[in-house]
Amino acid sequence: KAIDHAAARQATLVLALLGHGFIAGDDPTLYFMAPDSA
């Protein structure tokens, strides 16, 4: 929704993610955890 909103107004999107994150095994991809994530 924030991406759509920024695109409609030709805005820069400033996004901050705070909390827990993990990578799966040796894959360096970051996953941001929701309240019930495992």
Full PDB file with SEQRES, HELIX, SHEET, SSBOND, CRYST1, ORIGX, SCALE, CONECT and MASTER records, all heavy atoms in Angstrom:
SEQRES   1 A   38  LYS ALA ILE ASP HIS ALA ALA ALA ARG GLN ALA THR LEU          
SEQRES   2 A   38  VAL LEU ALA LEU LEU GLY HIS GLY PHE ILE ALA GLY ASP          
SEQRES   3 A   38  ASP PRO THR LEU TYR PHE MET ALA PRO ASP SER ALA              
HELIX    1 AA1 ALA A    2  ALA A    8  1                                   7    
SHEET    1 AA1 2 GLY A  21  PHE A  22  0                                        
SHEET    2 AA1 2 TYR A  31  PHE A  32 -1                                        
CRYST1    1.000    1.000    1.000  90.00  90.00  90.00 P 1           1          
ORIGX1      1.000000  0.000000  0.000000        0.00000                         
ORIGX2      0.000000  1.000000  0.000000        0.00000                         
ORIGX3      0.000000  0.000000  1.000000        0.00000                         
SCALE1      1.000000  0.000000  0.000000        0.00000                         
SCALE2      0.000000  1.000000  0.000000        0.00000                         
SCALE3      0.000000  0.000000  1.000000        0.00000                         
ATOM      1  N   LYS A   1       0.840  -1.206   0.000  1.00  0.00           N  
ATOM      2  CA  LYS A   1       0.000   0.000   0.000  1.00  0.00           C  
ATOM      3  C   LYS A   1       0.871   1.250   0.000  1.00  0.00           C  
ATOM      4  O   LYS A   1       0.572   2.239  -0.677  1.00  0.00           O  
ATOM      5  CB  LYS A   1      -0.923   0.000   1.218  1.00  0.00           C  
ATOM      6  CG  LYS A   1      -2.095  -0.950   1.133  1.00  0.00           C  
ATOM      7  CD  LYS A   1      -2.942  -0.876   2.397  1.00  0.00           C  
ATOM      8  CE  LYS A   1      -4.080  -1.881   2.360  1.00  0.00           C  
ATOM      9  NZ  LYS A   1      -4.859  -1.846   3.634  1.00  0.00           N  
ATOM     10  N   ALA A   2       1.944   1.216   0.778  1.00  0.00           N  
ATOM     11  CA  ALA A   2       2.855   2.357   0.831  1.00  0.00           C  
ATOM     12  C   ALA A   2       3.548   2.564  -0.508  1.00  0.00           C  
ATOM     13  O   ALA A   2       3.763   3.711  -0.939  1.00  0.00           O  
ATOM     14  CB  ALA A   2       3.886   2.154   1.941  1.00  0.00           C  
ATOM     15  N   ILE A   3       3.901   1.469  -1.188  1.00  0.00           N  
ATOM     16  CA  ILE A   3       4.506   1.582  -2.518  1.00  0.00           C  
ATOM     17  C   ILE A   3       3.521   2.222  -3.488  1.00  0.00           C  
ATOM     18  O   ILE A   3       3.863   3.144  -4.248  1.00  0.00           O  
ATOM     19  CB  ILE A   3       4.958   0.201  -3.022  1.00  0.00           C  
ATOM     20  CG1 ILE A   3       6.106  -0.338  -2.158  1.00  0.00           C  
ATOM     21  CG2 ILE A   3       5.384   0.271  -4.495  1.00  0.00           C  
ATOM     22  CD1 ILE A   3       6.472  -1.795  -2.459  1.00  0.00           C  
ATOM     23  N   ASP A   4       2.278   1.752  -3.489  1.00  0.00           N  
ATOM     24  CA  ASP A   4       1.254   2.324  -4.360  1.00  0.00           C  
ATOM     25  C   ASP A   4       1.061   3.809  -4.083  1.00  0.00           C  
ATOM     26  O   ASP A   4       0.937   4.628  -4.995  1.00  0.00           O  
ATOM     27  CB  ASP A   4      -0.083   1.602  -4.159  1.00  0.00           C  
ATOM     28  CG  ASP A   4      -0.087   0.175  -4.687  1.00  0.00           C  
ATOM     29  OD1 ASP A   4       0.806  -0.153  -5.495  1.00  0.00           O  
ATOM     30  OD2 ASP A   4      -0.980  -0.599  -4.294  1.00  0.00           O  
ATOM     31  N   HIS A   5       1.007   4.145  -2.796  1.00  0.00           N  
ATOM     32  CA  HIS A   5       0.782   5.538  -2.379  1.00  0.00           C  
ATOM     33  C   HIS A   5       1.931   6.438  -2.839  1.00  0.00           C  
ATOM     34  O   HIS A   5       1.709   7.546  -3.339  1.00  0.00           O  
ATOM     35  CB  HIS A   5       0.632   5.570  -0.861  1.00  0.00           C  
ATOM     36  CG  HIS A   5       0.091   6.843  -0.316  1.00  0.00           C  
ATOM     37  ND1 HIS A   5      -0.996   7.497  -0.859  1.00  0.00           N  
ATOM     38  CD2 HIS A   5       0.489   7.597   0.753  1.00  0.00           C  
ATOM     39  CE1 HIS A   5      -1.247   8.594  -0.147  1.00  0.00           C  
ATOM     40  NE2 HIS A   5      -0.358   8.686   0.821  1.00  0.00           N  
ATOM     41  N   ALA A   6       3.174   5.957  -2.677  1.00  0.00           N  
ATOM     42  CA  ALA A   6       4.331   6.736  -3.118  1.00  0.00           C  
ATOM     43  C   ALA A   6       4.351   6.879  -4.634  1.00  0.00           C  
ATOM     44  O   ALA A   6       4.647   7.960  -5.169  1.00  0.00           O  
ATOM     45  CB  ALA A   6       5.622   6.068  -2.631  1.00  0.00           C  
ATOM     46  N   ALA A   7       4.023   5.804  -5.337  1.00  0.00           N  
ATOM     47  CA  ALA A   7       4.030   5.850  -6.804  1.00  0.00           C  
ATOM     48  C   ALA A   7       3.004   6.849  -7.333  1.00  0.00           C  
ATOM     49  O   ALA A   7       3.270   7.571  -8.299  1.00  0.00           O  
ATOM     50  CB  ALA A   7       3.749   4.460  -7.370  1.00  0.00           C  
ATOM     51  N   ALA A   8       1.832   6.897  -6.701  1.00  0.00           N  
ATOM     52  CA  ALA A   8       0.778   7.805  -7.151  1.00  0.00           C  
ATOM     53  C   ALA A   8       1.177   9.261  -6.992  1.00  0.00           C  
ATOM     54  O   ALA A   8       0.653  10.134  -7.695  1.00  0.00           O  
ATOM     55  CB  ALA A   8      -0.514   7.531  -6.384  1.00  0.00           C  
ATOM     56  N   ARG A   9       2.104   9.522  -6.075  1.00  0.00           N  
ATOM     57  CA  ARG A   9       2.509  10.905  -5.793  1.00  0.00           C  
ATOM     58  C   ARG A   9       3.957  11.179  -6.159  1.00  0.00           C  
ATOM     59  O   ARG A   9       4.511  12.199  -5.779  1.00  0.00           O  
ATOM     60  CB  ARG A   9       2.256  11.217  -4.315  1.00  0.00           C  
ATOM     61  CG  ARG A   9       0.767  11.344  -4.032  1.00  0.00           C  
ATOM     62  CD  ARG A   9       0.424  11.096  -2.583  1.00  0.00           C  
ATOM     63  NE  ARG A   9      -1.018  11.256  -2.368  1.00  0.00           N  
ATOM     64  CZ  ARG A   9      -1.927  10.343  -2.721  1.00  0.00           C  
ATOM     65  NH1 ARG A   9      -1.534   9.227  -3.307  1.00  0.00           N  
ATOM     66  NH2 ARG A   9      -3.207  10.554  -2.511  1.00  0.00           N  
ATOM     67  N   GLN A  10       4.563  10.256  -6.880  1.00  0.00           N  
ATOM     68  CA  GLN A  10       5.958  10.395  -7.308  1.00  0.00           C  
ATOM     69  C   GLN A  10       6.856  10.733  -6.122  1.00  0.00           C  
ATOM     70  O   GLN A  10       7.714  11.622  -6.187  1.00  0.00           O  
ATOM     71  CB  GLN A  10       6.072  11.455  -8.415  1.00  0.00           C  
ATOM     72  CG  GLN A  10       5.292  11.075  -9.666  1.00  0.00           C  
ATOM     73  CD  GLN A  10       5.456  12.067 -10.781  1.00  0.00           C  
ATOM     74  OE1 GLN A  10       5.751  13.238 -10.567  1.00  0.00           O  
ATOM     75  NE2 GLN A  10       5.285  11.592 -12.005  1.00  0.00           N  
ATOM     76  N   ALA A  11       6.654  10.010  -5.044  1.00  0.00           N  
ATOM     77  CA  ALA A  11       7.378  10.263  -3.802  1.00  0.00           C  
ATOM     78  C   ALA A  11       8.507   9.267  -3.594  1.00  0.00           C  
ATOM     79  O   ALA A  11       8.479   8.147  -4.120  1.00  0.00           O  
ATOM     80  CB  ALA A  11       6.412  10.200  -2.617  1.00  0.00           C  
ATOM     81  N   THR A  12       9.472   9.675  -2.807  1.00  0.00           N  
ATOM     82  CA  THR A  12      10.487   8.753  -2.302  1.00  0.00           C  
ATOM     83  C   THR A  12       9.887   8.006  -1.115  1.00  0.00           C  
ATOM     84  O   THR A  12       9.264   8.612  -0.243  1.00  0.00           O  
ATOM     85  CB  THR A  12      11.741   9.525  -1.853  1.00  0.00           C  
ATOM     86  OG1 THR A  12      12.334  10.164  -2.991  1.00  0.00           O  
ATOM     87  CG2 THR A  12      12.767   8.591  -1.213  1.00  0.00           C  
ATOM     88  N   LEU A  13      10.066   6.702  -1.079  1.00  0.00           N  
ATOM     89  CA  LEU A  13       9.558   5.894   0.028  1.00  0.00           C  
ATOM     90  C   LEU A  13      10.666   5.680   1.051  1.00  0.00           C  
ATOM     91  O   LEU A  13      11.722   5.133   0.728  1.00  0.00           O  
ATOM     92  CB  LEU A  13       9.054   4.545  -0.481  1.00  0.00           C  
ATOM     93  CG  LEU A  13       8.547   3.573   0.597  1.00  0.00           C  
ATOM     94  CD1 LEU A  13       7.369   4.164   1.357  1.00  0.00           C  
ATOM     95  CD2 LEU A  13       8.171   2.233  -0.019  1.00  0.00           C  
ATOM     96  N   VAL A  14      10.424   6.128   2.275  1.00  0.00           N  
ATOM     97  CA  VAL A  14      11.342   5.906   3.390  1.00  0.00           C  
ATOM     98  C   VAL A  14      10.720   4.806   4.250  1.00  0.00           C  
ATOM     99  O   VAL A  14       9.650   5.004   4.842  1.00  0.00           O  
ATOM    100  CB  VAL A  14      11.556   7.188   4.213  1.00  0.00           C  
ATOM    101  CG1 VAL A  14      12.564   6.940   5.338  1.00  0.00           C  
ATOM    102  CG2 VAL A  14      12.049   8.325   3.307  1.00  0.00           C  
ATOM    103  N   LEU A  15      11.361   3.657   4.288  1.00  0.00           N  
ATOM    104  CA  LEU A  15      10.817   2.482   4.964  1.00  0.00           C  
ATOM    105  C   LEU A  15      11.759   2.047   6.080  1.00  0.00           C  
ATOM    106  O   LEU A  15      12.963   1.890   5.856  1.00  0.00           O  
ATOM    107  CB  LEU A  15      10.655   1.342   3.956  1.00  0.00           C  
ATOM    108  CG  LEU A  15      10.196  -0.017   4.498  1.00  0.00           C  
ATOM    109  CD1 LEU A  15       8.771   0.065   5.044  1.00  0.00           C  
ATOM    110  CD2 LEU A  15      10.295  -1.080   3.403  1.00  0.00           C  
ATOM    111  N   ALA A  16      11.223   1.868   7.281  1.00  0.00           N  
ATOM    112  CA  ALA A  16      12.020   1.377   8.403  1.00  0.00           C  
ATOM    113  C   ALA A  16      11.377   0.121   8.965  1.00  0.00           C  
ATOM    114  O   ALA A  16      10.173   0.101   9.225  1.00  0.00           O  
ATOM    115  CB  ALA A  16      12.144   2.444   9.487  1.00  0.00           C  
ATOM    116  N   LEU A  17      12.187  -0.917   9.142  1.00  0.00           N  
ATOM    117  CA  LEU A  17      11.732  -2.188   9.701  1.00  0.00           C  
ATOM    118  C   LEU A  17      12.513  -2.461  10.982  1.00  0.00           C  
ATOM    119  O   LEU A  17      13.748  -2.569  10.949  1.00  0.00           O  
ATOM    120  CB  LEU A  17      11.940  -3.323   8.703  1.00  0.00           C  
ATOM    121  CG  LEU A  17      11.227  -3.188   7.352  1.00  0.00           C  
ATOM    122  CD1 LEU A  17      11.631  -4.327   6.423  1.00  0.00           C  
ATOM    123  CD2 LEU A  17       9.716  -3.148   7.518  1.00  0.00           C  
ATOM    124  N   LEU A  18      11.810  -2.563  12.102  1.00  0.00           N  
ATOM    125  CA  LEU A  18      12.440  -2.767  13.398  1.00  0.00           C  
ATOM    126  C   LEU A  18      11.896  -4.040  14.037  1.00  0.00           C  
ATOM    127  O   LEU A  18      10.671  -4.224  14.085  1.00  0.00           O  
ATOM    128  CB  LEU A  18      12.151  -1.596  14.345  1.00  0.00           C  
ATOM    129  CG  LEU A  18      12.839  -0.246  14.122  1.00  0.00           C  
ATOM    130  CD1 LEU A  18      12.391   0.417  12.830  1.00  0.00           C  
ATOM    131  CD2 LEU A  18      12.547   0.688  15.299  1.00  0.00           C  
ATOM    132  N   GLY A  19      12.780  -4.887  14.525  1.00  0.00           N  
ATOM    133  CA  GLY A  19      12.324  -6.099  15.195  1.00  0.00           C  
ATOM    134  C   GLY A  19      13.296  -7.240  15.009  1.00  0.00           C  
ATOM    135  O   GLY A  19      14.509  -7.042  14.931  1.00  0.00           O  
ATOM    136  N   HIS A  20      12.759  -8.445  14.929  1.00  0.00           N  
ATOM    137  CA  HIS A  20      13.577  -9.639  14.752  1.00  0.00           C  
ATOM    138  C   HIS A  20      13.700  -9.996  13.265  1.00  0.00           C  
ATOM    139  O   HIS A  20      12.763  -9.782  12.483  1.00  0.00           O  
ATOM    140  CB  HIS A  20      12.945 -10.834  15.471  1.00  0.00           C  
ATOM    141  CG  HIS A  20      13.026 -10.738  16.964  1.00  0.00           C  
ATOM    142  ND1 HIS A  20      14.199 -10.881  17.657  1.00  0.00           N  
ATOM    143  CD2 HIS A  20      12.059 -10.513  17.896  1.00  0.00           C  
ATOM    144  CE1 HIS A  20      13.965 -10.763  18.955  1.00  0.00           C  
ATOM    145  NE2 HIS A  20      12.682 -10.536  19.125  1.00  0.00           N  
ATOM    146  N   GLY A  21      14.856 -10.543  12.903  1.00  0.00           N  
ATOM    147  CA  GLY A  21      15.053 -11.013  11.538  1.00  0.00           C  
ATOM    148  C   GLY A  21      15.907 -12.263  11.543  1.00  0.00           C  
ATOM    149  O   GLY A  21      16.696 -12.498  12.461  1.00  0.00           O  
ATOM    150  N   PHE A  22      15.761 -13.091  10.501  1.00  0.00           N  
ATOM    151  CA  PHE A  22      16.576 -14.298  10.413  1.00  0.00           C  
ATOM    152  C   PHE A  22      16.982 -14.561   8.975  1.00  0.00           C  
ATOM    153  O   PHE A  22      16.400 -14.021   8.024  1.00  0.00           O  
ATOM    154  CB  PHE A  22      15.832 -15.516  10.977  1.00  0.00           C  
ATOM    155  CG  PHE A  22      14.662 -15.994  10.149  1.00  0.00           C  
ATOM    156  CD1 PHE A  22      14.848 -16.803   9.036  1.00  0.00           C  
ATOM    157  CD2 PHE A  22      13.362 -15.640  10.496  1.00  0.00           C  
ATOM    158  CE1 PHE A  22      13.775 -17.255   8.278  1.00  0.00           C  
ATOM    159  CE2 PHE A  22      12.278 -16.091   9.752  1.00  0.00           C  
ATOM    160  CZ  PHE A  22      12.482 -16.896   8.636  1.00  0.00           C  
ATOM    161  N   ILE A  23      18.019 -15.378   8.827  1.00  0.00           N  
ATOM    162  CA  ILE A  23      18.364 -15.952   7.531  1.00  0.00           C  
ATOM    163  C   ILE A  23      18.165 -17.458   7.667  1.00  0.00           C  
ATOM    164  O   ILE A  23      18.286 -18.009   8.759  1.00  0.00           O  
ATOM    165  CB  ILE A  23      19.805 -15.619   7.107  1.00  0.00           C  
ATOM    166  CG1 ILE A  23      20.807 -16.125   8.147  1.00  0.00           C  
ATOM    167  CG2 ILE A  23      19.975 -14.136   6.875  1.00  0.00           C  
ATOM    168  CD1 ILE A  23      22.262 -15.999   7.717  1.00  0.00           C  
ATOM    169  N   ALA A  24      17.817 -18.120   6.579  1.00  0.00           N  
ATOM    170  CA  ALA A  24      17.559 -19.556   6.613  1.00  0.00           C  
ATOM    171  C   ALA A  24      18.819 -20.314   6.200  1.00  0.00           C  
ATOM    172  O   ALA A  24      19.241 -20.251   5.037  1.00  0.00           O  
ATOM    173  CB  ALA A  24      16.404 -19.915   5.687  1.00  0.00           C  
ATOM    174  N   GLY A  25      19.442 -20.985   7.159  1.00  0.00           N  
ATOM    175  CA  GLY A  25      20.659 -21.733   6.859  1.00  0.00           C  
ATOM    176  C   GLY A  25      21.766 -20.816   6.379  1.00  0.00           C  
ATOM    177  O   GLY A  25      22.067 -19.801   7.007  1.00  0.00           O  
ATOM    178  N   ASP A  26      22.361 -21.157   5.241  1.00  0.00           N  
ATOM    179  CA  ASP A  26      23.446 -20.358   4.680  1.00  0.00           C  
ATOM    180  C   ASP A  26      22.967 -19.363   3.630  1.00  0.00           C  
ATOM    181  O   ASP A  26      23.778 -18.651   3.023  1.00  0.00           O  
ATOM    182  CB  ASP A  26      24.496 -21.274   4.047  1.00  0.00           C  
ATOM    183  CG  ASP A  26      25.202 -22.138   5.086  1.00  0.00           C  
ATOM    184  OD1 ASP A  26      25.399 -21.648   6.221  1.00  0.00           O  
ATOM    185  OD2 ASP A  26      25.541 -23.292   4.759  1.00  0.00           O  
ATOM    186  N   ASP A  27      21.664 -19.312   3.389  1.00  0.00           N  
ATOM    187  CA  ASP A  27      21.094 -18.353   2.442  1.00  0.00           C  
ATOM    188  C   ASP A  27      21.095 -16.976   3.107  1.00  0.00           C  
ATOM    189  O   ASP A  27      20.472 -16.793   4.156  1.00  0.00           O  
ATOM    190  CB  ASP A  27      19.671 -18.769   2.084  1.00  0.00           C  
ATOM    191  CG  ASP A  27      19.032 -17.840   1.066  1.00  0.00           C  
ATOM    192  OD1 ASP A  27      19.614 -16.771   0.762  1.00  0.00           O  
ATOM    193  OD2 ASP A  27      17.932 -18.159   0.579  1.00  0.00           O  
ATOM    194  N   PRO A  28      21.787 -15.968   2.537  1.00  0.00           N  
ATOM    195  CA  PRO A  28      21.905 -14.677   3.197  1.00  0.00           C  
ATOM    196  C   PRO A  28      20.668 -13.783   3.107  1.00  0.00           C  
ATOM    197  O   PRO A  28      20.695 -12.640   3.550  1.00  0.00           O  
ATOM    198  CB  PRO A  28      23.092 -14.032   2.479  1.00  0.00           C  
ATOM    199  CG  PRO A  28      23.046 -14.623   1.099  1.00  0.00           C  
ATOM    200  CD  PRO A  28      22.583 -16.043   1.291  1.00  0.00           C  
ATOM    201  N   THR A  29      19.578 -14.283   2.537  1.00  0.00           N  
ATOM    202  CA  THR A  29      18.368 -13.483   2.393  1.00  0.00           C  
ATOM    203  C   THR A  29      17.754 -13.180   3.766  1.00  0.00           C  
ATOM    204  O   THR A  29      17.543 -14.080   4.576  1.00  0.00           O  
ATOM    205  CB  THR A  29      17.327 -14.227   1.539  1.00  0.00           C  
ATOM    206  OG1 THR A  29      17.892 -14.497   0.256  1.00  0.00           O  
ATOM    207  CG2 THR A  29      16.061 -13.398   1.366  1.00  0.00           C  
ATOM    208  N   LEU A  30      17.434 -11.918   4.012  1.00  0.00           N  
ATOM    209  CA  LEU A  30      16.855 -11.519   5.287  1.00  0.00           C  
ATOM    210  C   LEU A  30      15.342 -11.703   5.285  1.00  0.00           C  
ATOM    211  O   LEU A  30      14.653 -11.272   4.348  1.00  0.00           O  
ATOM    212  CB  LEU A  30      17.166 -10.052   5.584  1.00  0.00           C  
ATOM    213  CG  LEU A  30      16.479  -9.470   6.834  1.00  0.00           C  
ATOM    214  CD1 LEU A  30      16.998 -10.130   8.107  1.00  0.00           C  
ATOM    215  CD2 LEU A  30      16.643  -7.958   6.891  1.00  0.00           C  
ATOM    216  N   TYR A  31      14.832 -12.289   6.368  1.00  0.00           N  
ATOM    217  CA  TYR A  31      13.392 -12.400   6.588  1.00  0.00           C  
ATOM    218  C   TYR A  31      13.027 -11.624   7.856  1.00  0.00           C  
ATOM    219  O   TYR A  31      13.594 -11.868   8.927  1.00  0.00           O  
ATOM    220  CB  TYR A  31      12.971 -13.865   6.722  1.00  0.00           C  
ATOM    221  CG  TYR A  31      13.038 -14.611   5.408  1.00  0.00           C  
ATOM    222  CD1 TYR A  31      14.230 -15.192   4.995  1.00  0.00           C  
ATOM    223  CD2 TYR A  31      11.928 -14.696   4.567  1.00  0.00           C  
ATOM    224  CE1 TYR A  31      14.311 -15.856   3.775  1.00  0.00           C  
ATOM    225  CE2 TYR A  31      12.005 -15.350   3.353  1.00  0.00           C  
ATOM    226  CZ  TYR A  31      13.184 -15.932   2.964  1.00  0.00           C  
ATOM    227  OH  TYR A  31      13.267 -16.576   1.755  1.00  0.00           O  
ATOM    228  N   PHE A  32      12.110 -10.694   7.714  1.00  0.00           N  
ATOM    229  CA  PHE A  32      11.619  -9.886   8.833  1.00  0.00           C  
ATOM    230  C   PHE A  32      10.456 -10.630   9.484  1.00  0.00           C  
ATOM    231  O   PHE A  32       9.548 -11.108   8.796  1.00  0.00           O  
ATOM    232  CB  PHE A  32      11.147  -8.526   8.296  1.00  0.00           C  
ATOM    233  CG  PHE A  32      10.585  -7.592   9.329  1.00  0.00           C  
ATOM    234  CD1 PHE A  32      11.365  -7.115  10.368  1.00  0.00           C  
ATOM    235  CD2 PHE A  32       9.266  -7.166   9.229  1.00  0.00           C  
ATOM    236  CE1 PHE A  32      10.843  -6.226  11.300  1.00  0.00           C  
ATOM    237  CE2 PHE A  32       8.740  -6.285  10.155  1.00  0.00           C  
ATOM    238  CZ  PHE A  32       9.527  -5.807  11.201  1.00  0.00           C  
ATOM    239  N   MET A  33      10.481 -10.717  10.809  1.00  0.00           N  
ATOM    240  CA  MET A  33       9.537 -11.579  11.512  1.00  0.00           C  
ATOM    241  C   MET A  33       8.305 -10.813  12.000  1.00  0.00           C  
ATOM    242  O   MET A  33       8.420  -9.778  12.661  1.00  0.00           O  
ATOM    243  CB  MET A  33      10.231 -12.258  12.684  1.00  0.00           C  
ATOM    244  CG  MET A  33      11.435 -13.089  12.254  1.00  0.00           C  
ATOM    245  SD  MET A  33      12.257 -13.929  13.633  1.00  0.00           S  
ATOM    246  CE  MET A  33      11.125 -15.308  13.901  1.00  0.00           C  
ATOM    247  N   ALA A  34       7.136 -11.330  11.661  1.00  0.00           N  
ATOM    248  CA  ALA A  34       5.865 -10.827  12.186  1.00  0.00           C  
ATOM    249  C   ALA A  34       5.672 -11.420  13.591  1.00  0.00           C  
ATOM    250  O   ALA A  34       6.462 -12.260  14.032  1.00  0.00           O  
ATOM    251  CB  ALA A  34       4.725 -11.246  11.260  1.00  0.00           C  
ATOM    252  N   PRO A  35       4.642 -11.003  14.335  1.00  0.00           N  
ATOM    253  CA  PRO A  35       4.475 -11.491  15.710  1.00  0.00           C  
ATOM    254  C   PRO A  35       4.444 -13.006  15.855  1.00  0.00           C  
ATOM    255  O   PRO A  35       4.926 -13.530  16.862  1.00  0.00           O  
ATOM    256  CB  PRO A  35       3.148 -10.857  16.127  1.00  0.00           C  
ATOM    257  CG  PRO A  35       3.120  -9.566  15.384  1.00  0.00           C  
ATOM    258  CD  PRO A  35       3.707  -9.892  14.045  1.00  0.00           C  
ATOM    259  N   ASP A  36       3.900 -13.722  14.891  1.00  0.00           N  
ATOM    260  CA  ASP A  36       3.784 -15.172  15.022  1.00  0.00           C  
ATOM    261  C   ASP A  36       4.714 -15.944  14.091  1.00  0.00           C  
ATOM    262  O   ASP A  36       4.522 -17.142  13.869  1.00  0.00           O  
ATOM    263  CB  ASP A  36       2.336 -15.605  14.768  1.00  0.00           C  
ATOM    264  CG  ASP A  36       1.374 -15.005  15.782  1.00  0.00           C  
ATOM    265  OD1 ASP A  36       1.789 -14.839  16.945  1.00  0.00           O  
ATOM    266  OD2 ASP A  36       0.233 -14.699  15.410  1.00  0.00           O  
ATOM    267  N   SER A  37       5.727 -15.266  13.535  1.00  0.00           N  
ATOM    268  CA  SER A  37       6.674 -15.956  12.649  1.00  0.00           C  
ATOM    269  C   SER A  37       7.505 -16.964  13.436  1.00  0.00           C  
ATOM    270  O   SER A  37       7.678 -16.846  14.656  1.00  0.00           O  
ATOM    271  CB  SER A  37       7.617 -14.941  11.986  1.00  0.00           C  
ATOM    272  OG  SER A  37       6.919 -14.064  11.129  1.00  0.00           O  
ATOM    273  N   ALA A  38       8.041 -17.943  12.726  1.00  0.00           N  
ATOM    274  CA  ALA A  38       8.929 -18.937  13.331  1.00  0.00           C  
ATOM    275  C   ALA A  38      10.295 -18.832  12.668  1.00  0.00           C  
ATOM    276  O   ALA A  38      10.395 -18.715  11.442  1.00  0.00           O  
ATOM    277  CB  ALA A  38       8.361 -20.341  13.148  1.00  0.00           C  
TER     278      ALA A  38                                                      
MASTER        0    0    0    1    2    0    0    6  277    1    0    3          
END                                                                             
